[in-house]
Amino acid sequence: MKSHCLTHVTTIAKPIEDVFDFFSKAENLNELTPPELDFEIITPLPVNMQKGSLLDYRIKLNGIRFNWKTEISAWEPPYRFVDKQLKGPYVLWIHEHRFKALNNHLTEMTDTVHYLSPGWLLEPLVHHLFVKKKVEATFKFRKEMLKKIFDN
């Protein structure tokens, strides 16, 4: 079954080093996650982010609480990192964060997520009815929060 792909591009009014530094702190995920997901980092903080780092979370989707474990599978400061779900609510979740320095101390950040919803043969229906809107709303919230955090 083919995975879904979501890409969001956000321009942030800070230098690339500042933006990457913000994302290198796992605790900042709390600010970027919609409150209704009841997101909680279980891994003791602070986390020394690097290739191979493991992060454990709890998240609530459609009223159901899930444990979620991700691994940082690529770490290339200040340009890129990738987190990959090892255990969690998705069959597949690979989230790449790319950072590109622009003129005037701006940074273009691109989130690309390849994911596959649960449901096996019913996955297209589950994705259409429940998952797609939730994932899109989460990244829309994230974009809005990044604007608030960095545009001050």
N, C-alpha and C. Protein backbone atom coordinates (compact mmCIF):
# COMPACT_ATOMS: atom_id res chain seq x y z
N MET A 1 0.84 -1.17 0.00
CA MET A 1 0.00 0.00 0.00
C MET A 1 0.90 1.25 0.00
N LYS A 2 0.55 2.23 -0.80
CA LYS A 2 1.35 3.45 -0.95
C LYS A 2 1.08 4.41 0.22
N SER A 3 2.15 5.01 0.72
CA SER A 3 2.00 5.96 1.83
C SER A 3 1.49 7.30 1.32
N HIS A 4 1.00 8.11 2.25
CA HIS A 4 0.56 9.46 1.95
C HIS A 4 1.73 10.40 2.22
N CYS A 5 1.71 11.56 1.59
CA CYS A 5 2.77 12.54 1.80
C CYS A 5 2.15 13.91 2.03
N LEU A 6 2.61 14.58 3.06
CA LEU A 6 2.18 15.93 3.37
C LEU A 6 3.43 16.80 3.45
N THR A 7 3.39 17.95 2.77
CA THR A 7 4.51 18.90 2.82
C THR A 7 3.98 20.26 3.23
N HIS A 8 4.65 20.87 4.20
CA HIS A 8 4.33 22.22 4.66
C HIS A 8 5.61 23.04 4.62
N VAL A 9 5.54 24.24 4.06
CA VAL A 9 6.69 25.14 4.03
C VAL A 9 6.35 26.37 4.86
N THR A 10 7.26 26.73 5.76
CA THR A 10 7.07 27.88 6.62
C THR A 10 8.32 28.76 6.55
N THR A 11 8.11 30.04 6.34
CA THR A 11 9.23 30.98 6.38
C THR A 11 9.25 31.61 7.77
N ILE A 12 10.41 31.54 8.40
CA ILE A 12 10.57 31.99 9.79
C ILE A 12 11.57 33.14 9.81
N ALA A 13 11.21 34.18 10.53
CA ALA A 13 12.01 35.41 10.56
C ALA A 13 13.15 35.33 11.58
N LYS A 14 13.96 34.31 11.44
CA LYS A 14 15.15 34.14 12.29
C LYS A 14 16.21 33.41 11.46
N PRO A 15 17.50 33.58 11.85
CA PRO A 15 18.56 32.85 11.15
C PRO A 15 18.42 31.33 11.33
N ILE A 16 18.94 30.60 10.39
CA ILE A 16 18.83 29.13 10.37
C ILE A 16 19.35 28.50 11.66
N GLU A 17 20.44 29.03 12.22
CA GLU A 17 21.00 28.45 13.45
C GLU A 17 20.02 28.56 14.62
N ASP A 18 19.32 29.69 14.71
CA ASP A 18 18.33 29.88 15.78
C ASP A 18 17.15 28.94 15.62
N VAL A 19 16.71 28.78 14.37
CA VAL A 19 15.56 27.92 14.11
C VAL A 19 15.92 26.47 14.39
N PHE A 20 17.08 26.03 13.91
CA PHE A 20 17.49 24.65 14.15
C PHE A 20 17.68 24.39 15.64
N ASP A 21 18.23 25.37 16.35
CA ASP A 21 18.42 25.24 17.79
C ASP A 21 17.09 25.01 18.50
N PHE A 22 16.06 25.75 18.09
CA PHE A 22 14.72 25.57 18.66
C PHE A 22 14.24 24.13 18.45
N PHE A 23 14.42 23.61 17.24
CA PHE A 23 13.96 22.26 16.94
C PHE A 23 14.84 21.18 17.55
N SER A 24 16.03 21.52 17.97
CA SER A 24 16.91 20.53 18.58
C SER A 24 16.56 20.27 20.04
N LYS A 25 15.58 21.00 20.55
CA LYS A 25 15.12 20.82 21.93
C LYS A 25 13.75 20.13 21.90
N ALA A 26 13.73 18.87 22.30
CA ALA A 26 12.50 18.06 22.23
C ALA A 26 11.35 18.72 22.97
N GLU A 27 11.64 19.41 24.09
CA GLU A 27 10.58 20.02 24.89
C GLU A 27 9.79 21.07 24.12
N ASN A 28 10.36 21.62 23.04
CA ASN A 28 9.64 22.61 22.24
C ASN A 28 8.51 22.00 21.41
N LEU A 29 8.50 20.68 21.31
CA LEU A 29 7.39 20.01 20.61
C LEU A 29 6.05 20.31 21.28
N ASN A 30 6.07 20.51 22.58
CA ASN A 30 4.82 20.83 23.29
C ASN A 30 4.16 22.08 22.72
N GLU A 31 4.96 23.09 22.39
CA GLU A 31 4.42 24.34 21.87
C GLU A 31 3.87 24.19 20.45
N LEU A 32 4.33 23.18 19.74
CA LEU A 32 3.96 23.02 18.33
C LEU A 32 2.85 22.00 18.10
N THR A 33 2.33 21.45 19.18
CA THR A 33 1.31 20.39 19.08
C THR A 33 -0.03 20.91 19.58
N PRO A 34 -1.09 20.72 18.81
CA PRO A 34 -2.41 21.20 19.24
C PRO A 34 -2.80 20.62 20.60
N PRO A 35 -3.39 21.44 21.48
CA PRO A 35 -3.74 20.99 22.83
C PRO A 35 -4.66 19.78 22.86
N GLU A 36 -5.55 19.65 21.88
CA GLU A 36 -6.50 18.52 21.88
C GLU A 36 -5.82 17.17 21.69
N LEU A 37 -4.55 17.17 21.26
CA LEU A 37 -3.82 15.91 21.13
C LEU A 37 -3.23 15.45 22.47
N ASP A 38 -3.32 16.30 23.49
CA ASP A 38 -2.88 15.95 24.84
C ASP A 38 -1.48 15.33 24.80
N PHE A 39 -0.59 15.99 24.09
CA PHE A 39 0.77 15.52 23.85
C PHE A 39 1.60 15.57 25.12
N GLU A 40 2.34 14.51 25.39
CA GLU A 40 3.19 14.44 26.58
C GLU A 40 4.48 13.72 26.23
N ILE A 41 5.60 14.34 26.54
CA ILE A 41 6.90 13.71 26.33
C ILE A 41 7.21 12.87 27.57
N ILE A 42 7.48 11.60 27.37
CA ILE A 42 7.78 10.68 28.47
C ILE A 42 9.29 10.61 28.72
N THR A 43 10.08 10.70 27.66
CA THR A 43 11.53 10.65 27.78
C THR A 43 12.01 11.79 28.69
N PRO A 44 12.87 11.48 29.66
CA PRO A 44 13.39 12.55 30.53
C PRO A 44 14.09 13.64 29.71
N LEU A 45 13.80 14.89 30.08
CA LEU A 45 14.36 16.04 29.37
C LEU A 45 15.52 16.61 30.18
N PRO A 46 16.47 17.26 29.54
CA PRO A 46 16.58 17.47 28.11
C PRO A 46 17.13 16.23 27.41
N VAL A 47 16.82 16.12 26.13
CA VAL A 47 17.30 15.01 25.30
C VAL A 47 18.49 15.51 24.49
N ASN A 48 19.57 14.76 24.48
CA ASN A 48 20.71 15.09 23.62
C ASN A 48 20.37 14.60 22.21
N MET A 49 19.85 15.51 21.40
CA MET A 49 19.40 15.13 20.06
C MET A 49 20.60 14.85 19.17
N GLN A 50 20.55 13.68 18.53
CA GLN A 50 21.58 13.25 17.59
C GLN A 50 21.02 12.04 16.85
N LYS A 51 21.72 11.61 15.83
CA LYS A 51 21.30 10.41 15.11
C LYS A 51 21.26 9.25 16.10
N GLY A 52 20.13 8.54 16.11
CA GLY A 52 19.96 7.40 17.00
C GLY A 52 19.21 7.73 18.29
N SER A 53 18.99 9.01 18.58
CA SER A 53 18.23 9.38 19.79
C SER A 53 16.83 8.81 19.72
N LEU A 54 16.35 8.31 20.86
CA LEU A 54 15.00 7.75 20.94
C LEU A 54 14.14 8.67 21.81
N LEU A 55 12.92 8.91 21.37
CA LEU A 55 11.99 9.77 22.10
C LEU A 55 10.68 9.02 22.29
N ASP A 56 10.18 9.05 23.53
CA ASP A 56 8.90 8.43 23.85
C ASP A 56 7.90 9.51 24.20
N TYR A 57 6.69 9.40 23.65
CA TYR A 57 5.61 10.35 23.88
C TYR A 57 4.32 9.60 24.19
N ARG A 58 3.34 10.36 24.64
CA ARG A 58 1.94 9.91 24.67
C ARG A 58 1.16 10.95 23.89
N ILE A 59 0.17 10.47 23.15
CA ILE A 59 -0.65 11.36 22.34
C ILE A 59 -2.06 10.80 22.30
N LYS A 60 -3.03 11.67 22.16
CA LYS A 60 -4.42 11.23 22.09
C LYS A 60 -4.97 11.55 20.70
N LEU A 61 -5.44 10.54 20.02
CA LEU A 61 -6.04 10.70 18.70
C LEU A 61 -7.45 10.14 18.73
N ASN A 62 -8.41 10.98 18.36
CA ASN A 62 -9.82 10.58 18.36
C ASN A 62 -10.23 9.96 19.70
N GLY A 63 -9.72 10.55 20.78
CA GLY A 63 -10.09 10.10 22.12
C GLY A 63 -9.33 8.87 22.61
N ILE A 64 -8.45 8.32 21.79
CA ILE A 64 -7.70 7.12 22.17
C ILE A 64 -6.25 7.51 22.44
N ARG A 65 -5.74 7.10 23.59
CA ARG A 65 -4.36 7.42 23.97
C ARG A 65 -3.42 6.37 23.38
N PHE A 66 -2.32 6.87 22.80
CA PHE A 66 -1.30 6.02 22.19
C PHE A 66 0.05 6.36 22.78
N ASN A 67 0.89 5.34 22.92
CA ASN A 67 2.30 5.56 23.17
C ASN A 67 2.97 5.65 21.81
N TRP A 68 3.95 6.55 21.72
CA TRP A 68 4.60 6.79 20.44
C TRP A 68 6.10 6.84 20.69
N LYS A 69 6.86 6.06 19.96
CA LYS A 69 8.33 6.05 20.07
C LYS A 69 8.89 6.41 18.70
N THR A 70 9.77 7.43 18.70
CA THR A 70 10.44 7.80 17.46
C THR A 70 11.95 7.73 17.63
N GLU A 71 12.61 7.58 16.51
CA GLU A 71 14.07 7.59 16.47
C GLU A 71 14.51 8.71 15.54
N ILE A 72 15.53 9.43 15.94
CA ILE A 72 16.13 10.41 15.04
C ILE A 72 17.02 9.60 14.09
N SER A 73 16.56 9.45 12.86
CA SER A 73 17.28 8.59 11.91
C SER A 73 18.27 9.37 11.05
N ALA A 74 18.18 10.70 11.05
CA ALA A 74 19.17 11.56 10.38
C ALA A 74 19.30 12.83 11.21
N TRP A 75 20.52 13.31 11.36
CA TRP A 75 20.78 14.52 12.13
C TRP A 75 21.91 15.28 11.45
N GLU A 76 21.57 16.36 10.76
CA GLU A 76 22.53 17.12 9.97
C GLU A 76 22.38 18.62 10.25
N PRO A 77 22.79 19.07 11.46
CA PRO A 77 22.63 20.48 11.82
C PRO A 77 23.41 21.40 10.89
N PRO A 78 22.89 22.57 10.57
CA PRO A 78 21.55 23.08 10.87
C PRO A 78 20.58 22.92 9.70
N TYR A 79 20.79 21.89 8.88
CA TYR A 79 20.04 21.79 7.62
C TYR A 79 18.91 20.78 7.60
N ARG A 80 19.02 19.73 8.41
CA ARG A 80 18.04 18.65 8.24
C ARG A 80 18.09 17.68 9.40
N PHE A 81 16.91 17.15 9.74
CA PHE A 81 16.85 15.95 10.57
C PHE A 81 15.57 15.21 10.25
N VAL A 82 15.57 13.92 10.60
CA VAL A 82 14.45 13.05 10.30
C VAL A 82 14.09 12.27 11.56
N ASP A 83 12.78 12.25 11.88
CA ASP A 83 12.34 11.34 12.93
C ASP A 83 11.42 10.30 12.32
N LYS A 84 11.61 9.09 12.80
CA LYS A 84 10.87 7.94 12.25
C LYS A 84 10.17 7.21 13.39
N GLN A 85 8.89 6.94 13.20
CA GLN A 85 8.14 6.20 14.22
C GLN A 85 8.62 4.76 14.28
N LEU A 86 8.93 4.31 15.50
CA LEU A 86 9.26 2.90 15.72
C LEU A 86 8.04 2.16 16.27
N LYS A 87 7.23 2.89 17.05
CA LYS A 87 6.01 2.32 17.62
C LYS A 87 5.03 3.47 17.78
N GLY A 88 3.77 3.25 17.40
CA GLY A 88 2.80 4.32 17.56
C GLY A 88 1.53 4.10 16.78
N PRO A 89 0.78 5.19 16.60
CA PRO A 89 -0.56 5.07 16.02
C PRO A 89 -0.58 4.86 14.51
N TYR A 90 0.54 5.06 13.84
CA TYR A 90 0.59 4.92 12.39
C TYR A 90 1.29 3.63 12.00
N VAL A 91 0.98 3.14 10.82
CA VAL A 91 1.71 2.00 10.27
C VAL A 91 3.09 2.49 9.84
N LEU A 92 3.13 3.72 9.32
CA LEU A 92 4.37 4.35 8.88
C LEU A 92 4.30 5.83 9.21
N TRP A 93 5.38 6.39 9.74
CA TRP A 93 5.48 7.84 9.98
C TRP A 93 6.95 8.21 9.88
N ILE A 94 7.30 8.93 8.83
CA ILE A 94 8.66 9.43 8.64
C ILE A 94 8.54 10.92 8.40
N HIS A 95 9.12 11.71 9.29
CA HIS A 95 8.98 13.16 9.27
C HIS A 95 10.35 13.79 9.05
N GLU A 96 10.51 14.40 7.89
CA GLU A 96 11.77 15.09 7.56
C GLU A 96 11.58 16.59 7.76
N HIS A 97 12.54 17.21 8.45
CA HIS A 97 12.56 18.65 8.67
C HIS A 97 13.76 19.18 7.90
N ARG A 98 13.53 20.08 6.96
CA ARG A 98 14.63 20.70 6.19
C ARG A 98 14.65 22.20 6.48
N PHE A 99 15.85 22.74 6.62
CA PHE A 99 16.02 24.15 6.92
C PHE A 99 16.94 24.75 5.86
N LYS A 100 16.51 25.88 5.33
CA LYS A 100 17.28 26.56 4.28
C LYS A 100 17.39 28.03 4.64
N ALA A 101 18.64 28.54 4.69
CA ALA A 101 18.87 29.95 4.98
C ALA A 101 18.47 30.79 3.77
N LEU A 102 17.69 31.84 4.03
CA LEU A 102 17.30 32.78 2.99
C LEU A 102 17.95 34.13 3.29
N ASN A 103 17.79 35.07 2.42
CA ASN A 103 18.33 36.42 2.65
C ASN A 103 17.68 37.05 3.87
N ASN A 104 18.35 38.08 4.40
CA ASN A 104 17.81 38.87 5.51
C ASN A 104 17.50 38.06 6.77
N HIS A 105 18.31 37.07 7.07
CA HIS A 105 18.15 36.27 8.29
C HIS A 105 16.80 35.56 8.35
N LEU A 106 16.32 35.11 7.23
CA LEU A 106 15.09 34.30 7.19
C LEU A 106 15.47 32.85 6.99
N THR A 107 14.60 31.97 7.48
CA THR A 107 14.82 30.53 7.29
C THR A 107 13.56 29.93 6.69
N GLU A 108 13.75 29.13 5.66
CA GLU A 108 12.63 28.37 5.10
C GLU A 108 12.70 26.97 5.70
N MET A 109 11.64 26.59 6.38
CA MET A 109 11.58 25.26 6.97
C MET A 109 10.53 24.44 6.22
N THR A 110 10.92 23.27 5.77
CA THR A 110 10.00 22.39 5.06
C THR A 110 9.82 21.12 5.87
N ASP A 111 8.56 20.86 6.24
CA ASP A 111 8.18 19.60 6.89
C ASP A 111 7.64 18.69 5.80
N THR A 112 8.19 17.50 5.69
CA THR A 112 7.65 16.50 4.77
C THR A 112 7.40 15.24 5.59
N VAL A 113 6.16 14.78 5.56
CA VAL A 113 5.78 13.59 6.31
C VAL A 113 5.25 12.54 5.35
N HIS A 114 5.84 11.36 5.42
CA HIS A 114 5.31 10.18 4.71
C HIS A 114 4.67 9.32 5.79
N TYR A 115 3.40 9.02 5.59
CA TYR A 115 2.69 8.27 6.63
C TYR A 115 1.66 7.33 6.02
N LEU A 116 1.30 6.35 6.81
CA LEU A 116 0.29 5.38 6.43
C LEU A 116 -0.57 5.11 7.65
N SER A 117 -1.85 5.29 7.48
CA SER A 117 -2.80 5.09 8.56
C SER A 117 -3.01 3.60 8.82
N PRO A 118 -3.52 3.26 10.00
CA PRO A 118 -3.87 1.86 10.25
C PRO A 118 -5.14 1.51 9.46
N GLY A 119 -5.44 0.26 9.39
CA GLY A 119 -6.69 -0.16 8.77
C GLY A 119 -6.55 -1.17 7.65
N TRP A 120 -5.33 -1.49 7.27
CA TRP A 120 -5.02 -2.47 6.25
C TRP A 120 -5.84 -2.21 4.99
N LEU A 121 -6.76 -3.07 4.61
CA LEU A 121 -7.55 -2.86 3.39
C LEU A 121 -8.46 -1.64 3.50
N LEU A 122 -8.84 -1.28 4.71
CA LEU A 122 -9.71 -0.12 4.92
C LEU A 122 -8.91 1.17 5.12
N GLU A 123 -7.59 1.09 4.98
CA GLU A 123 -6.75 2.26 5.21
C GLU A 123 -7.19 3.48 4.41
N PRO A 124 -7.50 3.35 3.12
CA PRO A 124 -7.93 4.55 2.38
C PRO A 124 -9.17 5.21 3.00
N LEU A 125 -10.08 4.43 3.49
CA LEU A 125 -11.29 4.96 4.12
C LEU A 125 -10.95 5.60 5.47
N VAL A 126 -10.16 4.92 6.29
CA VAL A 126 -9.74 5.45 7.59
C VAL A 126 -8.99 6.77 7.39
N HIS A 127 -8.09 6.78 6.41
CA HIS A 127 -7.33 8.00 6.12
C HIS A 127 -8.27 9.13 5.71
N HIS A 128 -9.17 8.86 4.81
CA HIS A 128 -10.08 9.90 4.31
C HIS A 128 -11.02 10.42 5.39
N LEU A 129 -11.55 9.53 6.20
CA LEU A 129 -12.55 9.93 7.20
C LEU A 129 -11.95 10.55 8.46
N PHE A 130 -10.79 10.07 8.88
CA PHE A 130 -10.27 10.47 10.18
C PHE A 130 -8.88 11.10 10.16
N VAL A 131 -7.96 10.49 9.46
CA VAL A 131 -6.55 10.82 9.65
C VAL A 131 -6.09 12.04 8.85
N LYS A 132 -6.45 12.12 7.60
CA LYS A 132 -5.95 13.19 6.73
C LYS A 132 -6.22 14.58 7.32
N LYS A 133 -7.45 14.83 7.73
CA LYS A 133 -7.80 16.15 8.28
C LYS A 133 -7.03 16.43 9.56
N LYS A 134 -6.84 15.41 10.39
CA LYS A 134 -6.13 15.58 11.66
C LYS A 134 -4.65 15.93 11.41
N VAL A 135 -4.03 15.22 10.48
CA VAL A 135 -2.62 15.48 10.18
C VAL A 135 -2.47 16.88 9.59
N GLU A 136 -3.34 17.24 8.66
CA GLU A 136 -3.27 18.56 8.05
C GLU A 136 -3.50 19.66 9.09
N ALA A 137 -4.47 19.47 9.98
CA ALA A 137 -4.75 20.45 11.03
C ALA A 137 -3.57 20.60 11.99
N THR A 138 -2.90 19.49 12.29
CA THR A 138 -1.75 19.53 13.18
C THR A 138 -0.63 20.38 12.58
N PHE A 139 -0.37 20.21 11.29
CA PHE A 139 0.70 20.98 10.66
C PHE A 139 0.30 22.42 10.40
N LYS A 140 -0.98 22.69 10.23
CA LYS A 140 -1.45 24.07 10.14
C LYS A 140 -1.25 24.78 11.48
N PHE A 141 -1.60 24.09 12.58
CA PHE A 141 -1.38 24.63 13.92
C PHE A 141 0.10 24.90 14.14
N ARG A 142 0.93 23.96 13.76
CA ARG A 142 2.38 24.07 13.92
C ARG A 142 2.91 25.32 13.20
N LYS A 143 2.44 25.52 11.98
CA LYS A 143 2.86 26.68 11.19
C LYS A 143 2.46 27.98 11.88
N GLU A 144 1.23 28.04 12.38
CA GLU A 144 0.75 29.23 13.08
C GLU A 144 1.56 29.49 14.35
N MET A 145 1.88 28.44 15.09
CA MET A 145 2.65 28.60 16.33
C MET A 145 4.09 29.06 16.03
N LEU A 146 4.68 28.54 14.97
CA LEU A 146 6.03 28.96 14.60
C LEU A 146 6.04 30.45 14.27
N LYS A 147 5.02 30.92 13.60
CA LYS A 147 4.92 32.36 13.29
C LYS A 147 4.86 33.15 14.59
N LYS A 148 4.03 32.71 15.54
CA LYS A 148 3.89 33.42 16.82
C LYS A 148 5.20 33.40 17.62
N ILE A 149 5.85 32.26 17.66
CA ILE A 149 7.07 32.11 18.45
C ILE A 149 8.22 32.95 17.88
N PHE A 150 8.39 32.92 16.55
CA PHE A 150 9.56 33.54 15.96
C PHE A 150 9.34 34.95 15.40
N ASP A 151 8.12 35.33 15.18
CA ASP A 151 7.89 36.66 14.60
C ASP A 151 7.78 37.75 15.64
N ASN A 152 8.18 37.47 16.87
CA ASN A 152 8.16 38.50 17.93
C ASN A 152 9.51 39.15 18.08
